[in-house]
């Protein structure tokens, strides 16, 4: 199957989805949107390409996406202070680790050998950029920056699944796994947006400077 999709569109749309999910009335929503801006220069090389994925390549994207969420959450746990932020990221480590293990078992049972593609490689690079940006956040703003990063990562995963993975998957078990993980990602997005809103409400009296812009 041949899919004509703009990778740049998918990433940009995911940033918009995360911003929309997080925004509430008040002075902080502009900062959320800024924190989720896309680095168009980094993604320009992927924009407008025809991206066709095999089941093996889709399987690798599933593994990479879960690995990235675990890595991001583990990095956040080294500095996060707020108990709710720590609880959320502990949940991310546990649930994405479990999702990866379940997917791996299914791939083995179905004879699917995960294979790298431009999409899985790009997702790996994006996780590294997110983590690099997060390192720049000052301690006083780290919890807010961490949830900005989580919204960005999960929104990108959701849009990648919707735009590239689900429409092209052929194996029935793989299709079911994608549906299961998409539901989980949406739950994570909703929880992250609610937590971020609460954090910004509690931070209303402090300046916005210091929250990094994520690529």
N, C-alpha and C. Protein backbone atom coordinates (compact mmCIF):
# COMPACT_ATOMS: atom_id res chain seq x y z
N UNK A 1 0.85 -1.21 0.00
CA UNK A 1 0.00 0.00 0.00
C UNK A 1 0.88 1.24 0.00
N UNK A 2 0.51 2.25 -0.80
CA UNK A 2 1.26 3.49 -0.88
C UNK A 2 0.50 4.59 -0.19
N UNK A 3 1.13 5.21 0.79
CA UNK A 3 0.46 6.29 1.53
C UNK A 3 1.19 7.59 1.25
N UNK A 4 0.48 8.62 0.81
CA UNK A 4 1.07 9.94 0.62
C UNK A 4 0.76 10.76 1.85
N UNK A 5 1.78 10.93 2.68
CA UNK A 5 1.60 11.67 3.93
C UNK A 5 2.77 12.61 4.12
N UNK A 6 2.51 13.79 4.63
CA UNK A 6 3.59 14.71 4.98
C UNK A 6 3.98 14.47 6.41
N UNK A 7 5.21 14.02 6.60
CA UNK A 7 5.68 13.80 7.98
C UNK A 7 5.69 15.11 8.75
N UNK A 8 6.07 16.19 8.08
CA UNK A 8 6.07 17.49 8.74
C UNK A 8 4.66 17.84 9.20
N UNK A 9 3.66 17.54 8.35
CA UNK A 9 2.27 17.81 8.76
C UNK A 9 1.92 17.02 10.00
N UNK A 10 2.31 15.75 10.03
CA UNK A 10 1.94 14.91 11.17
C UNK A 10 2.55 15.43 12.45
N UNK A 11 3.81 15.83 12.40
CA UNK A 11 4.47 16.34 13.61
C UNK A 11 3.86 17.68 14.02
N UNK A 12 3.63 18.55 13.05
CA UNK A 12 3.05 19.85 13.38
C UNK A 12 1.66 19.69 13.97
N UNK A 13 0.88 18.79 13.39
CA UNK A 13 -0.47 18.55 13.90
C UNK A 13 -0.43 18.00 15.30
N UNK A 14 0.55 17.16 15.59
CA UNK A 14 0.63 16.58 16.92
C UNK A 14 0.93 17.65 17.96
N UNK A 15 1.77 18.61 17.60
CA UNK A 15 2.05 19.70 18.51
C UNK A 15 0.79 20.51 18.78
N UNK A 16 0.01 20.74 17.71
CA UNK A 16 -1.25 21.46 17.90
C UNK A 16 -2.22 20.70 18.77
N UNK A 17 -2.27 19.38 18.61
CA UNK A 17 -3.15 18.55 19.42
C UNK A 17 -2.79 18.65 20.89
N UNK A 18 -1.50 18.59 21.18
CA UNK A 18 -1.06 18.67 22.57
C UNK A 18 -1.37 20.03 23.16
N UNK A 19 -1.12 21.08 22.37
CA UNK A 19 -1.41 22.42 22.87
C UNK A 19 -2.90 22.59 23.14
N UNK A 20 -3.73 22.10 22.23
CA UNK A 20 -5.17 22.23 22.41
C UNK A 20 -5.64 21.44 23.62
N UNK A 21 -5.06 20.29 23.84
CA UNK A 21 -5.47 19.47 24.97
C UNK A 21 -5.11 20.12 26.29
N UNK A 22 -4.02 20.86 26.30
CA UNK A 22 -3.52 21.41 27.56
C UNK A 22 -4.09 22.78 27.88
N UNK A 23 -4.50 23.53 26.87
CA UNK A 23 -4.84 24.93 27.09
C UNK A 23 -6.12 25.09 27.90
N UNK A 24 -6.08 26.01 28.84
CA UNK A 24 -7.25 26.42 29.59
C UNK A 24 -7.27 27.94 29.62
N UNK A 25 -8.31 28.53 30.14
CA UNK A 25 -8.36 29.98 30.20
C UNK A 25 -7.34 30.48 31.20
N UNK A 26 -6.72 31.62 30.86
CA UNK A 26 -5.71 32.16 31.76
C UNK A 26 -4.47 32.53 30.99
N UNK A 27 -3.42 32.96 31.71
CA UNK A 27 -2.23 33.48 31.07
C UNK A 27 -1.22 32.46 30.66
N UNK A 28 -1.39 31.20 31.01
CA UNK A 28 -0.36 30.21 30.77
C UNK A 28 -0.47 29.50 29.44
N UNK A 29 -1.62 29.59 28.77
CA UNK A 29 -1.79 28.78 27.59
C UNK A 29 -0.83 29.17 26.48
N UNK A 30 -0.46 30.47 26.39
CA UNK A 30 0.48 30.88 25.36
C UNK A 30 1.83 30.21 25.56
N UNK A 31 2.21 30.03 26.83
CA UNK A 31 3.48 29.38 27.11
C UNK A 31 3.44 27.91 26.72
N UNK A 32 2.30 27.25 26.94
CA UNK A 32 2.16 25.85 26.54
C UNK A 32 2.35 25.73 25.04
N UNK A 33 1.70 26.62 24.30
CA UNK A 33 1.80 26.54 22.85
C UNK A 33 3.23 26.77 22.40
N UNK A 34 3.92 27.74 23.02
CA UNK A 34 5.31 27.99 22.67
C UNK A 34 6.17 26.78 22.96
N UNK A 35 5.92 26.13 24.09
CA UNK A 35 6.73 24.98 24.47
C UNK A 35 6.54 23.80 23.54
N UNK A 36 5.48 23.81 22.74
CA UNK A 36 5.20 22.70 21.85
C UNK A 36 5.44 23.04 20.38
N UNK A 37 6.13 24.17 20.12
CA UNK A 37 6.39 24.53 18.74
C UNK A 37 7.29 23.49 18.08
N UNK A 38 7.09 23.31 16.77
CA UNK A 38 7.87 22.33 16.02
C UNK A 38 9.09 22.99 15.42
N UNK A 39 10.23 22.29 15.47
CA UNK A 39 11.44 22.73 14.81
C UNK A 39 11.32 22.35 13.34
N UNK A 40 10.78 23.28 12.54
CA UNK A 40 10.51 22.97 11.14
C UNK A 40 11.78 22.64 10.38
N UNK A 41 12.87 23.24 10.74
CA UNK A 41 14.12 22.95 10.07
C UNK A 41 14.54 21.52 10.26
N UNK A 42 14.34 20.97 11.44
CA UNK A 42 14.73 19.59 11.72
C UNK A 42 13.86 18.60 10.97
N UNK A 43 12.59 18.98 10.70
CA UNK A 43 11.66 18.07 10.07
C UNK A 43 11.51 18.30 8.57
N UNK A 44 12.14 19.36 8.06
CA UNK A 44 11.89 19.72 6.67
C UNK A 44 12.28 18.62 5.70
N UNK A 45 13.28 17.86 6.03
CA UNK A 45 13.72 16.81 5.14
C UNK A 45 12.72 15.70 4.97
N UNK A 46 11.76 15.58 5.88
CA UNK A 46 10.76 14.53 5.79
C UNK A 46 9.47 15.02 5.16
N UNK A 47 9.29 16.36 5.08
CA UNK A 47 8.01 16.89 4.63
C UNK A 47 7.68 16.48 3.20
N UNK A 48 6.42 16.05 2.98
CA UNK A 48 5.93 15.81 1.65
C UNK A 48 6.33 14.48 1.04
N UNK A 49 7.08 13.67 1.74
CA UNK A 49 7.50 12.39 1.17
C UNK A 49 6.34 11.40 1.15
N UNK A 50 6.44 10.46 0.18
CA UNK A 50 5.54 9.31 0.19
C UNK A 50 6.13 8.28 1.12
N UNK A 51 5.44 7.98 2.18
CA UNK A 51 5.97 7.06 3.19
C UNK A 51 5.14 5.80 3.20
N UNK A 52 5.70 4.74 2.66
CA UNK A 52 5.04 3.44 2.66
C UNK A 52 5.74 2.56 3.68
N UNK A 53 4.97 1.94 4.58
CA UNK A 53 5.53 1.11 5.64
C UNK A 53 5.00 -0.32 5.54
N UNK A 54 5.90 -1.27 5.69
CA UNK A 54 5.50 -2.67 5.79
C UNK A 54 5.11 -2.98 7.23
N UNK A 55 4.53 -4.14 7.46
CA UNK A 55 4.21 -4.55 8.83
C UNK A 55 5.47 -4.61 9.69
N UNK A 56 6.57 -5.07 9.11
CA UNK A 56 7.83 -5.15 9.86
C UNK A 56 8.31 -3.76 10.28
N UNK A 57 8.15 -2.79 9.39
CA UNK A 57 8.56 -1.43 9.71
C UNK A 57 7.62 -0.79 10.73
N UNK A 58 6.33 -1.09 10.62
CA UNK A 58 5.37 -0.59 11.61
C UNK A 58 5.68 -1.18 12.98
N UNK A 59 6.05 -2.44 13.01
CA UNK A 59 6.39 -3.08 14.28
C UNK A 59 7.56 -2.37 14.95
N UNK A 60 8.56 -1.99 14.15
CA UNK A 60 9.71 -1.29 14.73
C UNK A 60 9.31 0.09 15.26
N UNK A 61 8.41 0.76 14.58
CA UNK A 61 7.93 2.05 15.07
C UNK A 61 7.25 1.88 16.43
N UNK A 62 6.46 0.83 16.58
CA UNK A 62 5.79 0.54 17.86
C UNK A 62 6.83 0.37 18.97
N UNK A 63 7.87 -0.40 18.70
CA UNK A 63 8.90 -0.63 19.71
C UNK A 63 9.64 0.65 20.04
N UNK A 64 10.01 1.41 19.02
CA UNK A 64 10.75 2.65 19.22
C UNK A 64 9.91 3.67 20.00
N UNK A 65 8.62 3.76 19.68
CA UNK A 65 7.75 4.71 20.38
C UNK A 65 7.67 4.38 21.87
N UNK A 66 7.50 3.10 22.18
CA UNK A 66 7.44 2.71 23.59
C UNK A 66 8.78 2.91 24.29
N UNK A 67 9.88 2.56 23.61
CA UNK A 67 11.20 2.78 24.19
C UNK A 67 11.43 4.26 24.48
N UNK A 68 11.01 5.11 23.54
CA UNK A 68 11.20 6.54 23.72
C UNK A 68 10.44 7.08 24.91
N UNK A 69 9.21 6.61 25.10
CA UNK A 69 8.42 7.06 26.24
C UNK A 69 9.06 6.62 27.56
N UNK A 70 9.62 5.41 27.58
CA UNK A 70 10.28 4.93 28.79
C UNK A 70 11.52 5.78 29.08
N UNK A 71 12.32 6.03 28.05
CA UNK A 71 13.54 6.83 28.23
C UNK A 71 13.21 8.23 28.72
N UNK A 72 12.20 8.84 28.12
CA UNK A 72 11.82 10.19 28.52
C UNK A 72 11.35 10.21 29.97
N UNK A 73 10.50 9.27 30.35
CA UNK A 73 9.99 9.23 31.72
C UNK A 73 11.11 8.97 32.73
N UNK A 74 12.04 8.09 32.39
CA UNK A 74 13.16 7.82 33.29
C UNK A 74 14.02 9.06 33.47
N UNK A 75 14.23 9.83 32.40
CA UNK A 75 15.00 11.07 32.51
C UNK A 75 14.28 12.08 33.40
N UNK A 76 12.97 12.16 33.24
CA UNK A 76 12.19 13.09 34.06
C UNK A 76 12.26 12.71 35.53
N UNK A 77 12.23 11.43 35.82
CA UNK A 77 12.25 10.98 37.22
C UNK A 77 13.54 11.32 37.94
N UNK A 78 14.60 11.60 37.21
CA UNK A 78 15.87 11.96 37.87
C UNK A 78 15.81 13.37 38.46
N UNK A 79 14.84 14.20 38.00
CA UNK A 79 14.80 15.58 38.48
C UNK A 79 13.43 16.04 38.98
N UNK A 80 12.37 15.36 38.63
CA UNK A 80 11.03 15.81 38.99
C UNK A 80 10.85 15.86 40.50
N UNK A 81 10.13 16.87 40.97
CA UNK A 81 9.89 17.07 42.39
C UNK A 81 8.43 16.83 42.76
N UNK A 82 7.53 17.38 41.95
CA UNK A 82 6.10 17.26 42.24
C UNK A 82 5.69 15.78 42.28
N UNK A 83 4.95 15.41 43.31
CA UNK A 83 4.57 14.00 43.49
C UNK A 83 3.71 13.49 42.33
N UNK A 84 2.82 14.34 41.82
CA UNK A 84 1.96 13.92 40.72
C UNK A 84 2.75 13.71 39.44
N UNK A 85 3.76 14.55 39.22
CA UNK A 85 4.61 14.39 38.05
C UNK A 85 5.42 13.10 38.16
N UNK A 86 5.92 12.83 39.34
CA UNK A 86 6.68 11.60 39.55
C UNK A 86 5.77 10.37 39.38
N UNK A 87 4.57 10.44 39.91
CA UNK A 87 3.64 9.31 39.77
C UNK A 87 3.30 9.07 38.30
N UNK A 88 3.05 10.15 37.56
CA UNK A 88 2.71 10.02 36.14
C UNK A 88 3.85 9.36 35.38
N UNK A 89 5.06 9.80 35.63
CA UNK A 89 6.19 9.28 34.87
C UNK A 89 6.57 7.86 35.30
N UNK A 90 6.33 7.52 36.54
CA UNK A 90 6.49 6.12 36.95
C UNK A 90 5.49 5.24 36.21
N UNK A 91 4.26 5.75 36.09
CA UNK A 91 3.24 5.04 35.33
C UNK A 91 3.66 4.87 33.87
N UNK A 92 4.29 5.90 33.29
CA UNK A 92 4.73 5.82 31.90
C UNK A 92 5.79 4.73 31.73
N UNK A 93 6.72 4.65 32.66
CA UNK A 93 7.74 3.61 32.58
C UNK A 93 7.09 2.23 32.64
N UNK A 94 6.19 2.05 33.59
CA UNK A 94 5.56 0.74 33.77
C UNK A 94 4.68 0.35 32.59
N UNK A 95 3.83 1.26 32.13
CA UNK A 95 2.86 0.92 31.10
C UNK A 95 3.50 0.80 29.72
N UNK A 96 4.48 1.64 29.41
CA UNK A 96 5.12 1.52 28.11
C UNK A 96 6.08 0.33 28.06
N UNK A 97 6.65 -0.02 29.21
CA UNK A 97 7.47 -1.24 29.26
C UNK A 97 6.58 -2.46 29.02
N UNK A 98 5.42 -2.48 29.67
CA UNK A 98 4.48 -3.59 29.49
C UNK A 98 3.98 -3.66 28.05
N UNK A 99 3.70 -2.49 27.45
CA UNK A 99 3.22 -2.46 26.07
C UNK A 99 4.28 -2.99 25.11
N UNK A 100 5.52 -2.63 25.36
CA UNK A 100 6.60 -3.12 24.50
C UNK A 100 6.72 -4.65 24.60
N UNK A 101 6.67 -5.14 25.81
CA UNK A 101 6.80 -6.58 26.01
C UNK A 101 5.64 -7.33 25.35
N UNK A 102 4.44 -6.80 25.47
CA UNK A 102 3.27 -7.43 24.85
C UNK A 102 3.42 -7.42 23.33
N UNK A 103 3.86 -6.28 22.78
CA UNK A 103 4.02 -6.17 21.34
C UNK A 103 5.10 -7.13 20.84
N UNK A 104 6.19 -7.21 21.55
CA UNK A 104 7.27 -8.12 21.16
C UNK A 104 6.79 -9.56 21.09
N UNK A 105 6.03 -9.96 22.09
CA UNK A 105 5.50 -11.33 22.11
C UNK A 105 4.58 -11.58 20.92
N UNK A 106 3.77 -10.59 20.60
CA UNK A 106 2.87 -10.74 19.46
C UNK A 106 3.65 -10.82 18.15
N UNK A 107 4.67 -9.98 18.00
CA UNK A 107 5.47 -10.01 16.78
C UNK A 107 6.11 -11.39 16.60
N UNK A 108 6.63 -11.94 17.69
CA UNK A 108 7.24 -13.27 17.61
C UNK A 108 6.22 -14.32 17.21
N UNK A 109 5.04 -14.24 17.81
CA UNK A 109 3.99 -15.22 17.51
C UNK A 109 3.52 -15.13 16.06
N UNK A 110 3.54 -13.92 15.51
CA UNK A 110 3.05 -13.69 14.15
C UNK A 110 4.16 -13.78 13.11
N UNK A 111 5.39 -13.99 13.56
CA UNK A 111 6.50 -14.06 12.62
C UNK A 111 6.86 -12.73 12.00
N UNK A 112 6.61 -11.64 12.71
CA UNK A 112 6.95 -10.30 12.22
C UNK A 112 8.32 -9.91 12.77
N UNK A 113 9.25 -9.64 11.90
CA UNK A 113 10.60 -9.23 12.30
C UNK A 113 10.70 -7.70 12.17
N UNK A 114 10.71 -6.97 13.30
CA UNK A 114 10.76 -5.50 13.22
C UNK A 114 11.95 -5.03 12.38
N UNK A 115 11.69 -4.02 11.57
CA UNK A 115 12.71 -3.50 10.66
C UNK A 115 12.71 -1.98 10.71
N UNK A 116 13.91 -1.40 10.76
CA UNK A 116 14.04 0.05 10.82
C UNK A 116 13.51 0.71 9.55
N UNK A 117 13.08 1.95 9.69
CA UNK A 117 12.62 2.75 8.56
C UNK A 117 12.94 4.20 8.86
N UNK A 118 12.69 5.07 7.89
CA UNK A 118 12.92 6.48 8.12
C UNK A 118 12.04 7.00 9.26
N UNK A 119 10.87 6.40 9.45
CA UNK A 119 9.96 6.84 10.51
C UNK A 119 10.50 6.46 11.89
N UNK A 120 10.91 5.22 12.06
CA UNK A 120 11.43 4.81 13.36
C UNK A 120 12.71 5.55 13.70
N UNK A 121 13.56 5.78 12.71
CA UNK A 121 14.79 6.52 12.94
C UNK A 121 14.50 7.96 13.33
N UNK A 122 13.50 8.54 12.68
CA UNK A 122 13.13 9.92 12.99
C UNK A 122 12.56 10.03 14.40
N UNK A 123 11.76 9.07 14.81
CA UNK A 123 11.22 9.08 16.16
C UNK A 123 12.33 8.99 17.20
N UNK A 124 13.34 8.17 16.94
CA UNK A 124 14.48 8.08 17.86
C UNK A 124 15.19 9.41 17.99
N UNK A 125 15.38 10.08 16.86
CA UNK A 125 16.03 11.39 16.88
C UNK A 125 15.20 12.41 17.64
N UNK A 126 13.89 12.35 17.48
CA UNK A 126 13.02 13.32 18.15
C UNK A 126 13.04 13.14 19.67
N UNK A 127 13.09 11.90 20.13
CA UNK A 127 13.19 11.66 21.56
C UNK A 127 14.47 12.27 22.11
N UNK A 128 15.55 12.10 21.38
CA UNK A 128 16.83 12.67 21.83
C UNK A 128 16.76 14.19 21.88
N UNK A 129 16.08 14.81 20.89
CA UNK A 129 15.95 16.26 20.91
C UNK A 129 15.08 16.71 22.08
N UNK A 130 14.03 15.98 22.37
CA UNK A 130 13.19 16.31 23.52
C UNK A 130 13.99 16.26 24.81
N UNK A 131 14.76 15.21 24.97
CA UNK A 131 15.54 15.04 26.19
C UNK A 131 16.62 16.10 26.31
N UNK A 132 17.23 16.48 25.19
CA UNK A 132 18.24 17.53 25.21
C UNK A 132 17.62 18.86 25.61
N UNK A 133 16.43 19.15 25.07
CA UNK A 133 15.74 20.39 25.42
C UNK A 133 15.36 20.39 26.89
N UNK A 134 14.94 19.24 27.39
CA UNK A 134 14.52 19.14 28.79
C UNK A 134 15.68 19.38 29.75
N UNK A 135 16.86 19.01 29.34
CA UNK A 135 18.04 19.23 30.19
C UNK A 135 18.28 20.71 30.47
N UNK A 136 17.79 21.57 29.60
CA UNK A 136 18.03 23.01 29.74
C UNK A 136 17.07 23.67 30.71
N UNK A 137 16.03 22.95 31.13
CA UNK A 137 15.04 23.55 32.03
C UNK A 137 15.63 23.76 33.42
N UNK A 138 15.45 24.94 34.00
CA UNK A 138 15.92 25.16 35.37
C UNK A 138 15.10 24.34 36.36
N UNK A 139 15.67 24.06 37.50
CA UNK A 139 14.99 23.23 38.49
C UNK A 139 13.61 23.76 38.85
N UNK A 140 13.49 25.08 38.98
CA UNK A 140 12.22 25.66 39.40
C UNK A 140 11.11 25.45 38.39
N UNK A 141 11.47 25.22 37.12
CA UNK A 141 10.47 25.03 36.06
C UNK A 141 10.47 23.61 35.52
N UNK A 142 11.21 22.73 36.13
CA UNK A 142 11.39 21.43 35.52
C UNK A 142 10.10 20.62 35.42
N UNK A 143 9.29 20.61 36.47
CA UNK A 143 8.05 19.82 36.43
C UNK A 143 7.14 20.28 35.29
N UNK A 144 7.03 21.61 35.09
CA UNK A 144 6.23 22.13 34.00
C UNK A 144 6.82 21.72 32.65
N UNK A 145 8.13 21.85 32.53
CA UNK A 145 8.79 21.49 31.28
C UNK A 145 8.64 20.00 31.00
N UNK A 146 8.69 19.19 32.04
CA UNK A 146 8.56 17.75 31.88
C UNK A 146 7.20 17.38 31.30
N UNK A 147 6.14 18.02 31.78
CA UNK A 147 4.82 17.69 31.26
C UNK A 147 4.60 18.25 29.86
N UNK A 148 5.25 19.39 29.54
CA UNK A 148 5.23 19.86 28.16
C UNK A 148 5.84 18.79 27.25
N UNK A 149 6.96 18.23 27.69
CA UNK A 149 7.65 17.20 26.89
C UNK A 149 6.78 15.95 26.74
N UNK A 150 6.12 15.56 27.80
CA UNK A 150 5.27 14.37 27.73
C UNK A 150 4.09 14.58 26.77
N UNK A 151 3.51 15.76 26.82
CA UNK A 151 2.41 16.05 25.89
C UNK A 151 2.90 16.01 24.45
N UNK A 152 4.07 16.60 24.19
CA UNK A 152 4.62 16.60 22.85
C UNK A 152 4.88 15.18 22.37
N UNK A 153 5.52 14.38 23.20
CA UNK A 153 5.88 13.00 22.81
C UNK A 153 4.65 12.16 22.54
N UNK A 154 3.65 12.24 23.42
CA UNK A 154 2.46 11.41 23.24
C UNK A 154 1.62 11.88 22.06
N UNK A 155 1.56 13.20 21.84
CA UNK A 155 0.79 13.70 20.71
C UNK A 155 1.43 13.27 19.39
N UNK A 156 2.73 13.29 19.34
CA UNK A 156 3.41 12.85 18.12
C UNK A 156 3.18 11.35 17.88
N UNK A 157 3.21 10.58 18.94
CA UNK A 157 2.92 9.16 18.80
C UNK A 157 1.50 8.94 18.28
N UNK A 158 0.55 9.68 18.82
CA UNK A 158 -0.85 9.53 18.40
C UNK A 158 -1.02 9.87 16.93
N UNK A 159 -0.42 10.97 16.49
CA UNK A 159 -0.58 11.38 15.09
C UNK A 159 0.17 10.44 14.15
N UNK A 160 1.31 9.92 14.59
CA UNK A 160 2.03 8.95 13.76
C UNK A 160 1.18 7.70 13.57
N UNK A 161 0.55 7.25 14.66
CA UNK A 161 -0.31 6.07 14.57
C UNK A 161 -1.48 6.31 13.64
N UNK A 162 -2.11 7.47 13.77
CA UNK A 162 -3.30 7.76 12.98
C UNK A 162 -2.98 7.98 11.50
N UNK A 163 -1.85 8.67 11.23
CA UNK A 163 -1.55 9.06 9.86
C UNK A 163 -0.78 8.01 9.07
N UNK A 164 0.06 7.24 9.77
CA UNK A 164 0.97 6.35 9.06
C UNK A 164 0.83 4.87 9.39
N UNK A 165 0.57 4.56 10.65
CA UNK A 165 0.61 3.15 11.05
C UNK A 165 -0.71 2.43 10.79
N UNK A 166 -1.78 2.91 11.41
CA UNK A 166 -3.07 2.23 11.30
C UNK A 166 -3.55 2.07 9.85
N UNK A 167 -3.39 3.08 8.99
CA UNK A 167 -3.89 2.91 7.62
C UNK A 167 -3.13 1.88 6.80
N UNK A 168 -1.91 1.51 7.22
CA UNK A 168 -1.08 0.64 6.39
C UNK A 168 -0.88 -0.77 6.95
N UNK A 169 -1.21 -0.98 8.22
CA UNK A 169 -1.00 -2.30 8.82
C UNK A 169 -1.87 -3.34 8.13
N UNK A 170 -1.27 -4.48 7.82
CA UNK A 170 -1.96 -5.56 7.12
C UNK A 170 -2.31 -6.73 8.04
N UNK A 171 -1.41 -7.10 8.93
CA UNK A 171 -1.62 -8.23 9.83
C UNK A 171 -2.72 -7.90 10.84
N UNK A 172 -3.67 -8.80 11.03
CA UNK A 172 -4.81 -8.53 11.92
C UNK A 172 -4.38 -8.33 13.36
N UNK A 173 -3.42 -9.14 13.82
CA UNK A 173 -2.94 -8.99 15.20
C UNK A 173 -2.22 -7.67 15.39
N UNK A 174 -1.49 -7.25 14.38
CA UNK A 174 -0.82 -5.95 14.44
C UNK A 174 -1.84 -4.82 14.46
N UNK A 175 -2.87 -4.93 13.67
CA UNK A 175 -3.93 -3.92 13.68
C UNK A 175 -4.56 -3.81 15.07
N UNK A 176 -4.79 -4.94 15.72
CA UNK A 176 -5.38 -4.93 17.06
C UNK A 176 -4.43 -4.29 18.06
N UNK A 177 -3.16 -4.60 17.94
CA UNK A 177 -2.17 -4.02 18.85
C UNK A 177 -2.11 -2.51 18.69
N UNK A 178 -2.16 -2.04 17.47
CA UNK A 178 -2.15 -0.60 17.22
C UNK A 178 -3.38 0.06 17.85
N UNK A 179 -4.53 -0.58 17.73
CA UNK A 179 -5.74 -0.02 18.34
C UNK A 179 -5.62 0.05 19.85
N UNK A 180 -5.08 -1.02 20.44
CA UNK A 180 -4.91 -1.07 21.89
C UNK A 180 -3.97 0.02 22.37
N UNK A 181 -2.85 0.15 21.68
CA UNK A 181 -1.87 1.15 22.10
C UNK A 181 -2.38 2.56 21.85
N UNK A 182 -3.18 2.75 20.80
CA UNK A 182 -3.71 4.09 20.53
C UNK A 182 -4.65 4.53 21.65
N UNK A 183 -5.44 3.62 22.16
CA UNK A 183 -6.32 3.94 23.29
C UNK A 183 -5.48 4.33 24.51
N UNK A 184 -4.43 3.57 24.76
CA UNK A 184 -3.56 3.87 25.91
C UNK A 184 -2.89 5.23 25.76
N UNK A 185 -2.40 5.52 24.57
CA UNK A 185 -1.75 6.81 24.33
C UNK A 185 -2.73 7.96 24.56
N UNK A 186 -3.97 7.78 24.13
CA UNK A 186 -4.96 8.84 24.36
C UNK A 186 -5.22 9.04 25.85
N UNK A 187 -5.27 7.94 26.60
CA UNK A 187 -5.43 8.05 28.05
C UNK A 187 -4.27 8.80 28.67
N UNK A 188 -3.07 8.52 28.18
CA UNK A 188 -1.88 9.22 28.69
C UNK A 188 -1.93 10.70 28.33
N UNK A 189 -2.35 11.00 27.11
CA UNK A 189 -2.48 12.40 26.70
C UNK A 189 -3.46 13.15 27.60
N UNK A 190 -4.61 12.55 27.84
CA UNK A 190 -5.63 13.20 28.66
C UNK A 190 -5.12 13.43 30.09
N UNK A 191 -4.45 12.42 30.64
CA UNK A 191 -3.92 12.54 32.00
C UNK A 191 -2.82 13.59 32.06
N UNK A 192 -1.95 13.63 31.05
CA UNK A 192 -0.87 14.61 31.02
C UNK A 192 -1.41 16.03 30.90
N UNK A 193 -2.45 16.20 30.06
CA UNK A 193 -3.04 17.52 29.90
C UNK A 193 -3.67 18.01 31.19
N UNK A 194 -4.37 17.12 31.89
CA UNK A 194 -5.00 17.51 33.16
C UNK A 194 -3.95 17.87 34.20
N UNK A 195 -2.87 17.09 34.24
CA UNK A 195 -1.81 17.36 35.21
C UNK A 195 -1.10 18.66 34.88
N UNK A 196 -0.84 18.89 33.61
CA UNK A 196 -0.16 20.12 33.23
C UNK A 196 -1.01 21.34 33.56
N UNK A 197 -2.33 21.23 33.31
CA UNK A 197 -3.23 22.34 33.64
C UNK A 197 -3.16 22.65 35.13
N UNK A 198 -3.15 21.62 35.96
CA UNK A 198 -3.06 21.82 37.41
C UNK A 198 -1.74 22.46 37.80
N UNK A 199 -0.66 22.04 37.15
CA UNK A 199 0.65 22.61 37.46
C UNK A 199 0.71 24.08 37.08
N UNK A 200 0.18 24.42 35.91
CA UNK A 200 0.19 25.82 35.50
C UNK A 200 -0.69 26.67 36.41
N UNK A 201 -1.78 26.13 36.86
CA UNK A 201 -2.65 26.87 37.78
C UNK A 201 -1.92 27.15 39.08
N UNK A 202 -1.16 26.20 39.56
CA UNK A 202 -0.40 26.40 40.79
C UNK A 202 0.79 27.29 40.61
N UNK A 203 1.23 27.47 39.35
CA UNK A 203 2.42 28.26 39.06
C UNK A 203 2.06 29.65 38.56
N UNK A 204 0.79 30.05 38.73
CA UNK A 204 0.31 31.27 38.10
C UNK A 204 1.05 32.51 38.56
N UNK A 205 1.62 32.46 39.76
CA UNK A 205 2.27 33.66 40.27
C UNK A 205 3.73 33.77 39.94
N UNK A 206 4.29 32.84 39.19
CA UNK A 206 5.72 32.86 38.88
C UNK A 206 5.93 33.10 37.42
N UNK A 207 7.10 33.69 37.03
CA UNK A 207 7.35 34.02 35.62
C UNK A 207 7.51 32.76 34.76
N UNK A 208 7.30 32.94 33.44
CA UNK A 208 7.38 31.83 32.50
C UNK A 208 8.79 31.53 32.02
N UNK A 209 9.71 32.45 32.24
CA UNK A 209 11.06 32.29 31.71
C UNK A 209 11.69 30.99 32.20
N UNK A 210 12.36 30.32 31.29
CA UNK A 210 13.10 29.13 31.68
C UNK A 210 12.50 27.84 31.19
N UNK A 211 11.25 27.86 30.72
CA UNK A 211 10.67 26.64 30.15
C UNK A 211 11.13 26.53 28.71
N UNK A 212 11.80 25.45 28.36
CA UNK A 212 12.39 25.36 27.02
C UNK A 212 11.35 25.16 25.94
N UNK A 213 11.73 25.52 24.71
CA UNK A 213 10.91 25.24 23.55
C UNK A 213 11.32 23.91 22.98
N UNK A 214 10.36 23.00 22.81
CA UNK A 214 10.68 21.66 22.34
C UNK A 214 10.62 21.58 20.83
N UNK A 215 11.59 20.87 20.23
CA UNK A 215 11.60 20.72 18.77
C UNK A 215 10.49 19.80 18.31
